[in-house]
C-alpha atoms as a PDB file:
ATOM      1  CA  MET A   1     273.241  -1.960  52.284  1.00  0.00           C
ATOM      2  CA  ASN A   2     271.744  -1.873  56.054  1.00  0.00           C
ATOM      3  CA  ALA A   3     270.165   0.947  57.401  1.00  0.00           C
ATOM      4  CA  ARG A   4     273.120   1.936  59.988  1.00  0.00           C
ATOM      5  CA  ALA A   5     275.255   2.076  56.586  1.00  0.00           C
ATOM      6  CA  LEU A   6     272.828   4.208  54.854  1.00  0.00           C
ATOM      7  CA  ASP A   7     272.474   6.414  57.399  1.00  0.00           C
ATOM      8  CA  GLN A   8     276.326   7.202  58.078  1.00  0.00           C
ATOM      9  CA  GLN A   9     276.234   7.733  54.145  1.00  0.00           C
ATOM     10  CA  LEU A  10     273.323  10.234  54.126  1.00  0.00           C
ATOM     11  CA  LEU A  11     275.352  12.204  57.021  1.00  0.00           C
ATOM     12  CA  GLN A  12     278.838  11.963  55.198  1.00  0.00           C
ATOM     13  CA  ALA A  13     276.805  13.428  51.915  1.00  0.00           C
ATOM     14  CA  HIS A  14     275.136  15.910  54.045  1.00  0.00           C
ATOM     15  CA  ALA A  15     278.358  17.169  55.612  1.00  0.00           C
ATOM     16  CA  ALA A  16     280.329  17.056  52.035  1.00  0.00           C
ATOM     17  CA  GLU A  17     277.059  19.123  50.382  1.00  0.00           C
ATOM     18  CA  ASP A  18     276.959  16.273  47.537  1.00  0.00           C
ATOM     19  CA  LYS A  19     273.828  16.600  46.524  1.00  0.00           C
ATOM     20  CA  THR A  20     273.927  14.197  43.647  1.00  0.00           C
ATOM     21  CA  ALA A  21     274.631  11.395  46.523  1.00  0.00           C
ATOM     22  CA  LEU A  22     271.856  12.795  48.502  1.00  0.00           C
ATOM     23  CA  VAL A  23     269.433  11.929  45.827  1.00  0.00           C
ATOM     24  CA  ARG A  24     270.732   8.245  45.315  1.00  0.00           C
ATOM     25  CA  LEU A  25     270.827   7.692  49.206  1.00  0.00           C
ATOM     26  CA  TYR A  26     267.759   9.352  49.835  1.00  0.00           C
ATOM     27  CA  THR A  27     266.124   7.332  47.322  1.00  0.00           C
ATOM     28  CA  GLN A  28     267.731   4.166  48.481  1.00  0.00           C
ATOM     29  CA  ALA A  29     266.284   5.038  51.708  1.00  0.00           C
ATOM     30  CA  ALA A  30     263.094   5.580  50.267  1.00  0.00           C
ATOM     31  CA  ASP A  31     262.864   2.033  48.612  1.00  0.00           C
ATOM     32  CA  HIS A  32     264.226  -0.009  51.569  1.00  0.00           C
ATOM     33  CA  SER A  33     261.838   1.522  54.022  1.00  0.00           C
ATOM     34  CA  GLU A  34     258.712   0.759  51.262  1.00  0.00           C
ATOM     35  CA  ALA A  35     260.282  -2.871  51.062  1.00  0.00           C
ATOM     36  CA  GLY A  36     259.817  -2.981  54.918  1.00  0.00           C
ATOM     37  CA  GLY A  37     256.205  -1.712  54.689  1.00  0.00           C
ATOM     38  CA  ASP A  38     256.889   1.455  56.212  1.00  0.00           C
ATOM     39  CA  LEU A  39     255.205   4.077  53.313  1.00  0.00           C
ATOM     40  CA  ASP A  40     255.352   7.206  55.918  1.00  0.00           C
ATOM     41  CA  ALA A  41     259.184   7.007  56.188  1.00  0.00           C
ATOM     42  CA  ALA A  42     259.605   6.154  52.386  1.00  0.00           C
ATOM     43  CA  CYS A  43     257.464   9.195  51.340  1.00  0.00           C
ATOM     44  CA  PHE A  44     259.694  11.195  53.695  1.00  0.00           C
ATOM     45  CA  TYR A  45     262.963   9.863  51.980  1.00  0.00           C
ATOM     46  CA  LEU A  46     261.187  10.157  48.520  1.00  0.00           C
ATOM     47  CA  THR A  47     260.475  13.650  49.568  1.00  0.00           C
ATOM     48  CA  HIS A  48     263.887  14.653  50.358  1.00  0.00           C
ATOM     49  CA  ALA A  49     265.086  12.871  47.182  1.00  0.00           C
ATOM     50  CA  PHE A  50     262.839  14.858  45.067  1.00  0.00           C
ATOM     51  CA  VAL A  51     263.727  18.198  46.929  1.00  0.00           C
ATOM     52  CA  PHE A  52     267.748  17.753  46.190  1.00  0.00           C
ATOM     53  CA  ALA A  53     266.859  16.299  42.470  1.00  0.00           C
ATOM     54  CA  LEU A  54     264.966  19.480  41.902  1.00  0.00           C
ATOM     55  CA  GLU A  55     267.882  22.081  43.302  1.00  0.00           C
ATOM     56  CA  ILE A  56     270.507  20.300  41.123  1.00  0.00           C
ATOM     57  CA  GLY A  57     268.226  19.844  38.172  1.00  0.00           C
ATOM     58  CA  VAL A  58     268.452  16.073  37.490  1.00  0.00           C
ATOM     59  CA  PRO A  59     266.257  14.230  35.415  1.00  0.00           C
ATOM     60  CA  GLU A  60     265.364  11.776  38.530  1.00  0.00           C
ATOM     61  CA  ALA A  61     262.836  14.600  39.653  1.00  0.00           C
ATOM     62  CA  ARG A  62     260.276  13.413  37.336  1.00  0.00           C
ATOM     63  CA  ALA A  63     260.376   9.835  38.607  1.00  0.00           C
ATOM     64  CA  LEU A  64     260.756  10.660  42.265  1.00  0.00           C
ATOM     65  CA  ASN A  65     257.720  13.100  41.819  1.00  0.00           C
ATOM     66  CA  ALA A  66     255.546  10.512  40.212  1.00  0.00           C
ATOM     67  CA  ARG A  67     256.368   8.209  43.195  1.00  0.00           C
ATOM     68  CA  LEU A  68     255.154  10.774  45.432  1.00  0.00           C
ATOM     69  CA  VAL A  69     251.918  11.034  43.454  1.00  0.00           C
ATOM     70  CA  ASP A  70     251.224   7.455  43.168  1.00  0.00           C
ATOM     71  CA  LYS A  71     251.062   7.189  47.047  1.00  0.00           C
ATOM     72  CA  GLY A  72     248.921  10.403  47.250  1.00  0.00           C
ATOM     73  CA  ARG A  73     251.637  12.780  48.830  1.00  0.00           C
ATOM     74  CA  ALA A  74     252.249  15.282  46.100  1.00  0.00           C
ATOM     75  CA  HIS A  75     250.784  16.890  43.067  1.00  0.00           C
ATOM     76  CA  PRO A  76     252.174  16.303  39.509  1.00  0.00           C
ATOM     77  CA  TRP A  77     254.956  18.410  39.043  1.00  0.00           C
ATOM     78  CA  GLN A  78     255.265  20.543  35.803  1.00  0.00           C
ATOM     79  CA  PRO A  79     258.898  21.632  34.755  1.00  0.00           C
END
Protein backbone atom coordinates (compact mmCIF):
# COMPACT_ATOMS: atom_id res chain seq x y z
CA MET A 1 0.00 0.00 0.00
CA ASN A 2 1.38 3.41 -0.87
CA ALA A 3 1.68 6.26 1.63
CA ARG A 4 -1.18 8.28 0.12
CA ALA A 5 -3.62 5.35 0.34
CA LEU A 6 -2.50 4.62 3.89
CA ASP A 7 -3.00 8.26 4.90
CA GLN A 8 -6.50 8.18 3.40
CA GLN A 9 -7.36 5.00 5.29
CA LEU A 10 -6.05 6.52 8.53
CA LEU A 11 -8.28 9.56 8.04
CA GLN A 12 -11.28 7.33 7.37
CA ALA A 13 -10.57 5.20 10.44
CA HIS A 14 -10.30 8.33 12.59
CA ALA A 15 -13.57 9.66 11.21
CA ALA A 16 -15.26 6.33 11.93
CA GLU A 17 -13.56 6.08 15.34
CA ASP A 18 -12.47 2.57 14.32
CA LYS A 19 -9.71 1.99 16.85
CA THR A 20 -9.06 -1.56 15.71
CA ALA A 21 -8.30 -0.27 12.22
CA LEU A 22 -6.21 2.54 13.70
CA VAL A 23 -3.97 0.05 15.50
CA ARG A 24 -3.49 -1.90 12.27
CA LEU A 25 -3.00 1.16 10.05
CA TYR A 26 -0.62 2.98 12.37
CA THR A 27 1.40 -0.23 12.65
CA GLN A 28 1.54 -0.46 8.87
CA ALA A 29 2.61 3.18 8.66
CA ALA A 30 5.36 2.47 11.20
CA ASP A 31 6.53 -0.54 9.22
CA HIS A 32 6.60 1.51 6.02
CA SER A 33 8.52 4.37 7.67
CA GLU A 34 10.98 2.00 9.30
CA ALA A 35 11.60 0.22 5.99
CA GLY A 36 12.28 3.63 4.46
CA GLY A 37 14.82 4.44 7.16
CA ASP A 38 12.77 7.11 8.96
CA LEU A 39 13.02 6.01 12.59
CA ASP A 40 11.39 9.15 13.97
CA ALA A 41 8.30 8.70 11.81
CA ALA A 42 8.21 4.98 12.58
CA CYS A 43 8.24 5.68 16.32
CA PHE A 44 5.59 8.38 15.92
CA TYR A 45 3.29 5.86 14.24
CA LEU A 46 4.19 3.09 16.69
CA THR A 47 3.29 5.36 19.60
CA HIS A 48 -0.13 6.05 18.09
CA ALA A 49 -0.70 2.35 17.43
CA PHE A 50 0.32 1.56 21.01
CA VAL A 51 -2.02 4.15 22.53
CA PHE A 52 -5.00 2.92 20.51
CA ALA A 53 -4.10 -0.68 21.35
CA LEU A 54 -4.13 0.24 25.04
CA GLU A 55 -7.46 2.01 24.69
CA ILE A 56 -9.17 -1.05 23.26
CA GLY A 57 -7.19 -3.61 25.24
CA VAL A 58 -5.80 -5.71 22.41
CA PRO A 59 -2.79 -8.00 22.85
CA GLU A 60 -0.87 -6.12 20.14
CA ALA A 61 -0.11 -3.48 22.78
CA ARG A 62 2.66 -5.63 24.24
CA ALA A 63 4.46 -6.09 20.89
CA LEU A 64 4.07 -2.41 20.00
CA ASN A 65 5.55 -1.39 23.33
CA ALA A 66 8.42 -3.84 22.83
CA ARG A 67 9.23 -2.25 19.48
CA LEU A 68 9.32 1.19 21.07
CA VAL A 69 11.50 -0.09 23.92
CA ASP A 70 13.90 -1.68 21.41
CA LYS A 71 14.26 1.70 19.74
CA GLY A 72 14.85 3.51 23.04
CA ARG A 73 11.57 5.41 22.78
CA ALA A 74 9.64 3.90 25.72
CA HIS A 75 9.97 2.06 28.98
CA PRO A 76 8.69 -1.49 29.27
CA TRP A 77 4.97 -1.57 29.91
CA GLN A 78 3.63 -3.82 32.64
CA PRO A 79 -0.15 -4.38 32.41
